[in-house]
Amino acid sequence: MNEMRKALENCGALQFGDFTLASGAKSNYYIDIKKASTDPKVLYLMSQLMAERIQSSGKRYDRIAGVVLGSVPLAAALSLATGIPYVMVRKEKKDHGTSKMIEGDMNEGDRVIVVEDVVTSAGSSISAIETLRNAGASVDEVISVIDREAGGKEALNKMNVVLTSLVKASDILKTLP
């Protein structure tokens, strides 16, 4: 946790001020996870810490799912770290090409872990889980870099999905100077 927090600080991803989050909520801090995931050292660290969590859980997954766009780098890096193939889940159907909601190979019955950068209300995770389940996947876990502790964990629990995170907002905020 401290290692991840330090990496977020060092790359400039942890910021303080007045911010409006994707959920519409106001916050006095922001974690620019895109800034973190485009830094190869930080992306590598995130993927290694996530891989350790998955491997220590003893659970077996057939696929990793990243929600387009923010979680795709994490899904790709985690795929490289674990050897587990990944898929990309769209937020909305394209009106051209194949019009798929899930890009990549996935089979009915596959056990899928959803990767997220930041979970606040878990809205994008819930949407991705519904898309994956409608395609025949089994989803029982979301792994995120940050849990903002703003109701996402509880919302996922209602879907029988566990949220595992590398860092919780309270851990970041209580260690401020």
N, C-alpha and C. Protein backbone atom coordinates (compact mmCIF):
# COMPACT_ATOMS: atom_id res chain seq x y z
N MET A 1 0.82 -1.18 0.00
CA MET A 1 0.00 0.00 0.00
C MET A 1 0.87 1.25 0.00
N ASN A 2 1.84 1.33 0.88
CA ASN A 2 2.71 2.50 0.91
C ASN A 2 3.49 2.65 -0.38
N GLU A 3 3.92 1.52 -0.95
CA GLU A 3 4.66 1.54 -2.21
C GLU A 3 3.78 2.11 -3.33
N MET A 4 2.52 1.69 -3.37
CA MET A 4 1.60 2.19 -4.39
C MET A 4 1.31 3.66 -4.18
N ARG A 5 1.07 4.07 -2.95
CA ARG A 5 0.81 5.47 -2.65
C ARG A 5 1.99 6.34 -3.06
N LYS A 6 3.20 5.90 -2.72
CA LYS A 6 4.40 6.66 -3.09
C LYS A 6 4.55 6.78 -4.60
N ALA A 7 4.26 5.70 -5.30
CA ALA A 7 4.35 5.72 -6.77
C ALA A 7 3.35 6.72 -7.34
N LEU A 8 2.14 6.77 -6.77
CA LEU A 8 1.12 7.72 -7.24
C LEU A 8 1.56 9.16 -6.97
N GLU A 9 2.14 9.38 -5.82
CA GLU A 9 2.65 10.72 -5.48
C GLU A 9 3.80 11.11 -6.41
N ASN A 10 4.76 10.20 -6.57
CA ASN A 10 5.97 10.50 -7.35
C ASN A 10 5.69 10.81 -8.81
N CYS A 11 4.67 10.18 -9.39
CA CYS A 11 4.38 10.44 -10.80
C CYS A 11 3.40 11.60 -10.96
N GLY A 12 2.97 12.20 -9.85
CA GLY A 12 2.08 13.36 -9.92
C GLY A 12 0.61 13.01 -10.07
N ALA A 13 0.26 11.75 -9.85
CA ALA A 13 -1.14 11.34 -10.02
C ALA A 13 -2.03 11.75 -8.85
N LEU A 14 -1.47 11.88 -7.66
CA LEU A 14 -2.22 12.26 -6.48
C LEU A 14 -2.25 13.79 -6.38
N GLN A 15 -3.44 14.35 -6.50
CA GLN A 15 -3.58 15.82 -6.55
C GLN A 15 -4.63 16.27 -5.54
N PHE A 16 -4.45 17.50 -5.04
CA PHE A 16 -5.38 18.06 -4.07
C PHE A 16 -5.93 19.39 -4.58
N GLY A 17 -7.22 19.63 -4.31
CA GLY A 17 -7.91 20.83 -4.78
C GLY A 17 -9.41 20.56 -4.79
N ASP A 18 -10.14 21.23 -5.69
CA ASP A 18 -11.57 21.01 -5.85
C ASP A 18 -11.81 20.27 -7.16
N PHE A 19 -12.39 19.07 -7.07
CA PHE A 19 -12.58 18.24 -8.26
C PHE A 19 -14.02 17.72 -8.31
N THR A 20 -14.51 17.53 -9.54
CA THR A 20 -15.78 16.85 -9.76
C THR A 20 -15.44 15.50 -10.38
N LEU A 21 -15.89 14.43 -9.75
CA LEU A 21 -15.59 13.07 -10.19
C LEU A 21 -16.55 12.63 -11.29
N ALA A 22 -16.22 11.53 -11.96
CA ALA A 22 -17.08 10.99 -13.02
C ALA A 22 -18.48 10.70 -12.51
N SER A 23 -18.58 10.35 -11.24
CA SER A 23 -19.89 10.05 -10.64
C SER A 23 -20.70 11.32 -10.37
N GLY A 24 -20.06 12.49 -10.53
CA GLY A 24 -20.71 13.76 -10.24
C GLY A 24 -20.42 14.26 -8.84
N ALA A 25 -19.85 13.41 -8.01
CA ALA A 25 -19.52 13.79 -6.63
C ALA A 25 -18.37 14.79 -6.62
N LYS A 26 -18.33 15.62 -5.59
CA LYS A 26 -17.24 16.58 -5.39
C LYS A 26 -16.20 15.95 -4.47
N SER A 27 -14.93 16.30 -4.68
CA SER A 27 -13.86 15.74 -3.87
C SER A 27 -12.74 16.77 -3.71
N ASN A 28 -12.04 16.70 -2.56
CA ASN A 28 -10.90 17.59 -2.36
C ASN A 28 -9.58 16.95 -2.78
N TYR A 29 -9.67 15.73 -3.31
CA TYR A 29 -8.48 15.10 -3.88
C TYR A 29 -8.87 14.34 -5.14
N TYR A 30 -7.90 14.11 -5.97
CA TYR A 30 -8.13 13.41 -7.23
C TYR A 30 -6.92 12.54 -7.51
N ILE A 31 -7.18 11.35 -8.01
CA ILE A 31 -6.09 10.47 -8.41
C ILE A 31 -6.18 10.32 -9.92
N ASP A 32 -5.24 10.94 -10.61
CA ASP A 32 -5.20 10.92 -12.07
C ASP A 32 -4.57 9.59 -12.49
N ILE A 33 -5.39 8.57 -12.47
CA ILE A 33 -4.89 7.22 -12.72
C ILE A 33 -4.41 7.04 -14.15
N LYS A 34 -4.93 7.87 -15.06
CA LYS A 34 -4.43 7.81 -16.45
C LYS A 34 -2.97 8.25 -16.48
N LYS A 35 -2.65 9.26 -15.69
CA LYS A 35 -1.26 9.71 -15.59
C LYS A 35 -0.39 8.58 -15.04
N ALA A 36 -0.91 7.88 -14.06
CA ALA A 36 -0.17 6.76 -13.46
C ALA A 36 -0.03 5.60 -14.43
N SER A 37 -1.11 5.26 -15.13
CA SER A 37 -1.07 4.07 -16.00
C SER A 37 -0.31 4.32 -17.31
N THR A 38 0.02 5.58 -17.61
CA THR A 38 0.84 5.84 -18.79
C THR A 38 2.32 5.97 -18.43
N ASP A 39 2.62 5.84 -17.15
CA ASP A 39 4.01 5.80 -16.68
C ASP A 39 4.40 4.33 -16.58
N PRO A 40 5.36 3.86 -17.39
CA PRO A 40 5.65 2.42 -17.42
C PRO A 40 6.04 1.83 -16.07
N LYS A 41 6.75 2.59 -15.24
CA LYS A 41 7.15 2.06 -13.93
C LYS A 41 5.95 1.88 -13.02
N VAL A 42 5.03 2.84 -13.04
CA VAL A 42 3.85 2.76 -12.19
C VAL A 42 2.89 1.69 -12.71
N LEU A 43 2.70 1.64 -14.03
CA LEU A 43 1.85 0.60 -14.62
C LEU A 43 2.39 -0.79 -14.28
N TYR A 44 3.69 -0.95 -14.37
CA TYR A 44 4.32 -2.24 -14.03
C TYR A 44 4.05 -2.58 -12.56
N LEU A 45 4.23 -1.61 -11.67
CA LEU A 45 4.00 -1.85 -10.25
C LEU A 45 2.54 -2.25 -10.01
N MET A 46 1.60 -1.52 -10.62
CA MET A 46 0.19 -1.85 -10.45
C MET A 46 -0.09 -3.28 -10.90
N SER A 47 0.45 -3.65 -12.06
CA SER A 47 0.19 -5.00 -12.59
C SER A 47 0.81 -6.07 -11.70
N GLN A 48 1.99 -5.80 -11.17
CA GLN A 48 2.64 -6.79 -10.30
C GLN A 48 1.88 -6.97 -8.99
N LEU A 49 1.43 -5.86 -8.40
CA LEU A 49 0.67 -5.95 -7.15
C LEU A 49 -0.67 -6.64 -7.36
N MET A 50 -1.32 -6.35 -8.49
CA MET A 50 -2.58 -7.04 -8.80
C MET A 50 -2.35 -8.52 -9.04
N ALA A 51 -1.28 -8.86 -9.77
CA ALA A 51 -0.96 -10.27 -10.05
C ALA A 51 -0.72 -11.02 -8.74
N GLU A 52 -0.01 -10.39 -7.81
CA GLU A 52 0.23 -11.02 -6.50
C GLU A 52 -1.08 -11.29 -5.77
N ARG A 53 -2.01 -10.32 -5.82
CA ARG A 53 -3.31 -10.49 -5.15
C ARG A 53 -4.09 -11.64 -5.76
N ILE A 54 -4.08 -11.71 -7.09
CA ILE A 54 -4.82 -12.78 -7.77
C ILE A 54 -4.19 -14.13 -7.44
N GLN A 55 -2.88 -14.23 -7.54
CA GLN A 55 -2.21 -15.50 -7.30
C GLN A 55 -2.34 -15.95 -5.85
N SER A 56 -2.30 -15.00 -4.91
CA SER A 56 -2.42 -15.39 -3.49
C SER A 56 -3.86 -15.76 -3.11
N SER A 57 -4.83 -15.35 -3.93
CA SER A 57 -6.23 -15.68 -3.62
C SER A 57 -6.54 -17.15 -3.89
N GLY A 58 -5.73 -17.78 -4.76
CA GLY A 58 -5.98 -19.17 -5.11
C GLY A 58 -7.09 -19.35 -6.13
N LYS A 59 -7.71 -18.26 -6.56
CA LYS A 59 -8.77 -18.35 -7.56
C LYS A 59 -8.15 -18.45 -8.95
N ARG A 60 -8.87 -19.11 -9.84
CA ARG A 60 -8.41 -19.26 -11.22
C ARG A 60 -9.35 -18.48 -12.13
N TYR A 61 -8.77 -17.69 -12.99
CA TYR A 61 -9.57 -16.91 -13.94
C TYR A 61 -9.17 -17.28 -15.35
N ASP A 62 -10.18 -17.29 -16.24
CA ASP A 62 -9.94 -17.57 -17.65
C ASP A 62 -9.66 -16.29 -18.43
N ARG A 63 -10.18 -15.18 -17.94
CA ARG A 63 -10.04 -13.90 -18.62
C ARG A 63 -9.96 -12.77 -17.61
N ILE A 64 -9.28 -11.73 -18.04
CA ILE A 64 -9.25 -10.45 -17.34
C ILE A 64 -10.07 -9.51 -18.21
N ALA A 65 -10.90 -8.67 -17.61
CA ALA A 65 -11.69 -7.72 -18.39
C ALA A 65 -11.35 -6.30 -17.97
N GLY A 66 -11.03 -5.47 -18.95
CA GLY A 66 -10.79 -4.05 -18.71
C GLY A 66 -11.88 -3.25 -19.38
N VAL A 67 -12.38 -2.24 -18.66
CA VAL A 67 -13.43 -1.39 -19.21
C VAL A 67 -12.76 -0.31 -20.06
N VAL A 68 -13.24 -0.16 -21.30
CA VAL A 68 -12.69 0.84 -22.22
C VAL A 68 -13.00 2.22 -21.65
N LEU A 69 -12.11 3.05 -21.53
CA LEU A 69 -10.76 3.13 -22.01
C LEU A 69 -9.77 3.02 -20.86
N GLY A 70 -10.13 3.57 -19.73
CA GLY A 70 -9.19 3.72 -18.63
C GLY A 70 -8.56 2.46 -18.09
N SER A 71 -9.28 1.36 -18.10
CA SER A 71 -8.76 0.14 -17.49
C SER A 71 -8.07 -0.79 -18.47
N VAL A 72 -8.08 -0.46 -19.74
CA VAL A 72 -7.46 -1.33 -20.74
C VAL A 72 -5.95 -1.46 -20.53
N PRO A 73 -5.20 -0.37 -20.27
CA PRO A 73 -3.76 -0.55 -20.01
C PRO A 73 -3.50 -1.47 -18.82
N LEU A 74 -4.32 -1.34 -17.78
CA LEU A 74 -4.17 -2.21 -16.60
C LEU A 74 -4.45 -3.67 -16.95
N ALA A 75 -5.51 -3.90 -17.73
CA ALA A 75 -5.85 -5.26 -18.14
C ALA A 75 -4.73 -5.86 -18.98
N ALA A 76 -4.18 -5.08 -19.90
CA ALA A 76 -3.09 -5.58 -20.75
C ALA A 76 -1.85 -5.89 -19.92
N ALA A 77 -1.49 -4.99 -19.01
CA ALA A 77 -0.31 -5.21 -18.17
C ALA A 77 -0.51 -6.41 -17.25
N LEU A 78 -1.72 -6.54 -16.69
CA LEU A 78 -2.01 -7.68 -15.81
C LEU A 78 -2.00 -8.99 -16.60
N SER A 79 -2.46 -8.93 -17.83
CA SER A 79 -2.42 -10.10 -18.71
C SER A 79 -0.98 -10.54 -18.94
N LEU A 80 -0.10 -9.58 -19.19
CA LEU A 80 1.32 -9.89 -19.38
C LEU A 80 1.94 -10.46 -18.10
N ALA A 81 1.53 -9.94 -16.95
CA ALA A 81 2.09 -10.38 -15.67
C ALA A 81 1.62 -11.77 -15.27
N THR A 82 0.41 -12.15 -15.71
CA THR A 82 -0.18 -13.43 -15.26
C THR A 82 -0.28 -14.48 -16.35
N GLY A 83 -0.22 -14.06 -17.61
CA GLY A 83 -0.44 -15.00 -18.71
C GLY A 83 -1.91 -15.28 -18.98
N ILE A 84 -2.80 -14.55 -18.29
CA ILE A 84 -4.24 -14.72 -18.49
C ILE A 84 -4.69 -13.78 -19.61
N PRO A 85 -5.36 -14.29 -20.64
CA PRO A 85 -5.82 -13.41 -21.73
C PRO A 85 -6.81 -12.37 -21.21
N TYR A 86 -6.89 -11.25 -21.93
CA TYR A 86 -7.84 -10.22 -21.51
C TYR A 86 -8.82 -9.86 -22.61
N VAL A 87 -9.93 -9.27 -22.18
CA VAL A 87 -10.94 -8.73 -23.09
C VAL A 87 -11.18 -7.28 -22.70
N MET A 88 -11.73 -6.54 -23.65
CA MET A 88 -12.08 -5.13 -23.41
C MET A 88 -13.61 -5.02 -23.48
N VAL A 89 -14.18 -4.38 -22.48
CA VAL A 89 -15.63 -4.22 -22.42
C VAL A 89 -15.96 -2.76 -22.74
N ARG A 90 -16.78 -2.59 -23.75
CA ARG A 90 -17.19 -1.23 -24.16
C ARG A 90 -18.30 -0.73 -23.24
N LYS A 91 -18.37 0.58 -23.12
CA LYS A 91 -19.45 1.19 -22.34
C LYS A 91 -20.72 1.30 -23.17
N GLU A 92 -20.54 1.40 -24.50
CA GLU A 92 -21.70 1.44 -25.38
C GLU A 92 -21.34 0.82 -26.72
N LYS A 93 -22.35 0.31 -27.36
CA LYS A 93 -22.17 -0.38 -28.64
C LYS A 93 -21.82 0.62 -29.73
N LYS A 94 -20.82 0.27 -30.55
CA LYS A 94 -20.48 1.09 -31.71
C LYS A 94 -21.51 0.83 -32.81
N ASP A 95 -21.72 1.82 -33.66
CA ASP A 95 -22.67 1.63 -34.75
C ASP A 95 -21.97 1.27 -36.06
N HIS A 96 -20.71 0.86 -35.95
CA HIS A 96 -19.97 0.43 -37.13
C HIS A 96 -19.13 -0.79 -36.77
N GLY A 97 -18.51 -1.39 -37.77
CA GLY A 97 -17.70 -2.58 -37.53
C GLY A 97 -18.55 -3.74 -37.06
N THR A 98 -18.06 -4.47 -36.08
CA THR A 98 -18.77 -5.65 -35.59
C THR A 98 -19.83 -5.31 -34.54
N SER A 99 -19.82 -4.10 -34.03
CA SER A 99 -20.77 -3.64 -33.00
C SER A 99 -20.73 -4.48 -31.73
N LYS A 100 -19.57 -5.06 -31.43
CA LYS A 100 -19.44 -5.89 -30.23
C LYS A 100 -19.31 -5.03 -28.98
N MET A 101 -19.83 -5.53 -27.88
CA MET A 101 -19.64 -4.89 -26.58
C MET A 101 -18.39 -5.43 -25.89
N ILE A 102 -17.98 -6.64 -26.28
CA ILE A 102 -16.78 -7.26 -25.71
C ILE A 102 -15.82 -7.54 -26.85
N GLU A 103 -14.63 -6.95 -26.76
CA GLU A 103 -13.59 -7.18 -27.76
C GLU A 103 -12.57 -8.17 -27.22
N GLY A 104 -12.26 -9.17 -28.02
CA GLY A 104 -11.35 -10.23 -27.59
C GLY A 104 -12.13 -11.52 -27.46
N ASP A 105 -11.41 -12.61 -27.30
CA ASP A 105 -12.04 -13.93 -27.22
C ASP A 105 -12.51 -14.23 -25.80
N MET A 106 -13.78 -14.57 -25.69
CA MET A 106 -14.34 -14.99 -24.42
C MET A 106 -15.34 -16.10 -24.71
N ASN A 107 -15.33 -17.13 -23.90
CA ASN A 107 -16.22 -18.26 -24.07
C ASN A 107 -17.28 -18.27 -22.97
N GLU A 108 -18.44 -18.78 -23.30
CA GLU A 108 -19.48 -18.92 -22.29
C GLU A 108 -18.93 -19.78 -21.16
N GLY A 109 -19.18 -19.36 -19.93
CA GLY A 109 -18.70 -20.09 -18.77
C GLY A 109 -17.33 -19.64 -18.27
N ASP A 110 -16.65 -18.77 -19.02
CA ASP A 110 -15.34 -18.28 -18.56
C ASP A 110 -15.48 -17.55 -17.23
N ARG A 111 -14.51 -17.79 -16.34
CA ARG A 111 -14.42 -17.03 -15.09
C ARG A 111 -13.61 -15.78 -15.39
N VAL A 112 -14.21 -14.62 -15.14
CA VAL A 112 -13.61 -13.34 -15.51
C VAL A 112 -13.43 -12.46 -14.28
N ILE A 113 -12.27 -11.84 -14.16
CA ILE A 113 -12.04 -10.83 -13.13
C ILE A 113 -12.00 -9.48 -13.84
N VAL A 114 -12.75 -8.53 -13.32
CA VAL A 114 -12.82 -7.19 -13.90
C VAL A 114 -11.75 -6.33 -13.23
N VAL A 115 -10.99 -5.61 -14.05
CA VAL A 115 -9.95 -4.71 -13.58
C VAL A 115 -10.45 -3.28 -13.72
N GLU A 116 -10.29 -2.50 -12.66
CA GLU A 116 -10.68 -1.09 -12.68
C GLU A 116 -9.52 -0.24 -12.18
N ASP A 117 -9.48 1.00 -12.64
CA ASP A 117 -8.48 1.92 -12.13
C ASP A 117 -8.93 2.50 -10.79
N VAL A 118 -10.07 3.19 -10.80
CA VAL A 118 -10.61 3.78 -9.58
C VAL A 118 -12.08 3.38 -9.46
N VAL A 119 -12.48 2.93 -8.28
CA VAL A 119 -13.88 2.60 -8.03
C VAL A 119 -14.43 3.63 -7.05
N THR A 120 -15.49 4.32 -7.49
CA THR A 120 -16.19 5.27 -6.63
C THR A 120 -17.56 4.68 -6.33
N SER A 121 -18.51 4.85 -7.23
CA SER A 121 -19.84 4.26 -7.06
C SER A 121 -19.94 2.88 -7.70
N ALA A 122 -18.93 2.50 -8.49
CA ALA A 122 -18.85 1.22 -9.21
C ALA A 122 -19.77 1.14 -10.41
N GLY A 123 -20.25 2.28 -10.88
CA GLY A 123 -21.16 2.29 -12.02
C GLY A 123 -20.60 1.62 -13.26
N SER A 124 -19.36 1.95 -13.64
CA SER A 124 -18.79 1.33 -14.84
C SER A 124 -18.51 -0.15 -14.62
N SER A 125 -18.13 -0.52 -13.41
CA SER A 125 -17.90 -1.93 -13.10
C SER A 125 -19.19 -2.73 -13.21
N ILE A 126 -20.26 -2.17 -12.66
CA ILE A 126 -21.56 -2.85 -12.69
C ILE A 126 -22.02 -3.04 -14.12
N SER A 127 -21.88 -2.02 -14.93
CA SER A 127 -22.26 -2.11 -16.34
C SER A 127 -21.44 -3.19 -17.06
N ALA A 128 -20.12 -3.22 -16.80
CA ALA A 128 -19.26 -4.23 -17.42
C ALA A 128 -19.63 -5.63 -16.96
N ILE A 129 -19.92 -5.79 -15.68
CA ILE A 129 -20.29 -7.10 -15.14
C ILE A 129 -21.58 -7.59 -15.80
N GLU A 130 -22.55 -6.70 -15.94
CA GLU A 130 -23.81 -7.08 -16.60
C GLU A 130 -23.56 -7.50 -18.04
N THR A 131 -22.72 -6.76 -18.76
CA THR A 131 -22.38 -7.12 -20.14
C THR A 131 -21.71 -8.48 -20.20
N LEU A 132 -20.75 -8.72 -19.31
CA LEU A 132 -20.02 -9.99 -19.28
C LEU A 132 -20.95 -11.15 -18.91
N ARG A 133 -21.77 -10.94 -17.90
CA ARG A 133 -22.70 -11.99 -17.48
C ARG A 133 -23.72 -12.30 -18.58
N ASN A 134 -24.19 -11.27 -19.27
CA ASN A 134 -25.13 -11.49 -20.38
C ASN A 134 -24.49 -12.29 -21.50
N ALA A 135 -23.16 -12.25 -21.58
CA ALA A 135 -22.44 -13.01 -22.60
C ALA A 135 -22.06 -14.40 -22.10
N GLY A 136 -22.48 -14.74 -20.87
CA GLY A 136 -22.24 -16.09 -20.34
C GLY A 136 -21.05 -16.22 -19.42
N ALA A 137 -20.41 -15.11 -19.06
CA ALA A 137 -19.25 -15.17 -18.17
C ALA A 137 -19.69 -15.26 -16.71
N SER A 138 -18.81 -15.80 -15.90
CA SER A 138 -18.98 -15.83 -14.46
C SER A 138 -18.06 -14.76 -13.88
N VAL A 139 -18.63 -13.78 -13.17
CA VAL A 139 -17.85 -12.69 -12.59
C VAL A 139 -18.17 -12.59 -11.12
N ASP A 140 -17.13 -12.73 -10.27
CA ASP A 140 -17.34 -12.62 -8.83
C ASP A 140 -16.35 -11.69 -8.14
N GLU A 141 -15.48 -11.03 -8.95
CA GLU A 141 -14.50 -10.13 -8.34
C GLU A 141 -14.13 -8.99 -9.28
N VAL A 142 -13.95 -7.82 -8.65
CA VAL A 142 -13.38 -6.65 -9.31
C VAL A 142 -12.12 -6.33 -8.55
N ILE A 143 -11.02 -6.09 -9.26
CA ILE A 143 -9.79 -5.65 -8.62
C ILE A 143 -9.47 -4.26 -9.15
N SER A 144 -9.25 -3.33 -8.22
CA SER A 144 -8.99 -1.95 -8.62
C SER A 144 -7.70 -1.45 -7.99
N VAL A 145 -7.17 -0.40 -8.59
CA VAL A 145 -6.02 0.25 -7.98
C VAL A 145 -6.50 1.01 -6.75
N ILE A 146 -7.55 1.81 -6.91
CA ILE A 146 -8.05 2.65 -5.83
C ILE A 146 -9.52 2.35 -5.54
N ASP A 147 -9.85 2.22 -4.25
CA ASP A 147 -11.24 2.18 -3.81
C ASP A 147 -11.48 3.50 -3.08
N ARG A 148 -12.28 4.37 -3.67
CA ARG A 148 -12.55 5.67 -3.06
C ARG A 148 -13.47 5.54 -1.85
N GLU A 149 -13.95 4.33 -1.58
CA GLU A 149 -14.81 4.07 -0.42
C GLU A 149 -16.05 4.99 -0.43
N ALA A 150 -16.70 5.02 -1.59
CA ALA A 150 -17.87 5.88 -1.76
C ALA A 150 -19.09 5.07 -2.20
N GLY A 151 -19.20 3.83 -1.70
CA GLY A 151 -20.37 3.02 -1.99
C GLY A 151 -20.17 1.95 -3.05
N GLY A 152 -19.05 1.97 -3.74
CA GLY A 152 -18.80 0.98 -4.80
C GLY A 152 -18.74 -0.45 -4.28
N LYS A 153 -18.04 -0.64 -3.19
CA LYS A 153 -17.90 -1.99 -2.62
C LYS A 153 -19.26 -2.56 -2.26
N GLU A 154 -20.10 -1.74 -1.65
CA GLU A 154 -21.43 -2.18 -1.24
C GLU A 154 -22.31 -2.48 -2.45
N ALA A 155 -22.22 -1.64 -3.48
CA ALA A 155 -23.01 -1.86 -4.71
C ALA A 155 -22.60 -3.17 -5.37
N LEU A 156 -21.31 -3.45 -5.39
CA LEU A 156 -20.82 -4.70 -5.99
C LEU A 156 -21.24 -5.91 -5.15
N ASN A 157 -21.20 -5.76 -3.83
CA ASN A 157 -21.62 -6.86 -2.94
C ASN A 157 -23.05 -7.29 -3.23
N LYS A 158 -23.91 -6.32 -3.60
CA LYS A 158 -25.31 -6.63 -3.92
C LYS A 158 -25.41 -7.52 -5.16
N MET A 159 -24.35 -7.53 -5.97
CA MET A 159 -24.31 -8.36 -7.18
C MET A 159 -23.51 -9.65 -6.93
N ASN A 160 -23.18 -9.90 -5.66
CA ASN A 160 -22.33 -11.04 -5.28
C ASN A 160 -20.95 -10.94 -5.91
N VAL A 161 -20.42 -9.72 -5.91
CA VAL A 161 -19.08 -9.46 -6.44
C VAL A 161 -18.26 -8.81 -5.34
N VAL A 162 -17.04 -9.30 -5.16
CA VAL A 162 -16.13 -8.79 -4.15
C VAL A 162 -15.23 -7.73 -4.80
N LEU A 163 -14.99 -6.64 -4.08
CA LEU A 163 -14.05 -5.62 -4.54
C LEU A 163 -12.75 -5.78 -3.78
N THR A 164 -11.66 -5.96 -4.50
CA THR A 164 -10.32 -5.99 -3.94
C THR A 164 -9.58 -4.78 -4.49
N SER A 165 -8.90 -4.03 -3.64
CA SER A 165 -8.19 -2.85 -4.12
C SER A 165 -6.76 -2.85 -3.60
N LEU A 166 -5.89 -2.17 -4.35
CA LEU A 166 -4.50 -2.03 -3.92
C LEU A 166 -4.39 -0.96 -2.83
N VAL A 167 -5.20 0.09 -2.95
CA VAL A 167 -5.17 1.20 -2.00
C VAL A 167 -6.60 1.70 -1.77
N LYS A 168 -6.90 2.03 -0.52
CA LYS A 168 -8.19 2.63 -0.19
C LYS A 168 -7.98 4.13 0.05
N ALA A 169 -9.01 4.91 -0.25
CA ALA A 169 -8.92 6.36 -0.07
C ALA A 169 -8.53 6.71 1.37
N SER A 170 -9.10 6.01 2.33
CA SER A 170 -8.79 6.32 3.74
C SER A 170 -7.31 6.10 4.04
N ASP A 171 -6.68 5.12 3.37
CA ASP A 171 -5.26 4.88 3.57
C ASP A 171 -4.43 6.05 3.02
N ILE A 172 -4.86 6.57 1.89
CA ILE A 172 -4.15 7.71 1.29
C ILE A 172 -4.30 8.94 2.16
N LEU A 173 -5.52 9.21 2.59
CA LEU A 173 -5.80 10.43 3.32
C LEU A 173 -5.24 10.43 4.74
N LYS A 174 -5.21 9.29 5.41
CA LYS A 174 -4.72 9.27 6.78
C LYS A 174 -3.19 9.37 6.86
N THR A 175 -2.52 9.15 5.75
CA THR A 175 -1.04 9.22 5.77
C THR A 175 -0.53 10.55 5.23
N LEU A 176 -1.44 11.52 5.05
CA LEU A 176 -1.01 12.84 4.57
C LEU A 176 -0.20 13.54 5.65
N PRO A 177 0.78 14.33 5.25
CA PRO A 177 1.58 15.06 6.24
C PRO A 177 0.76 16.10 6.96
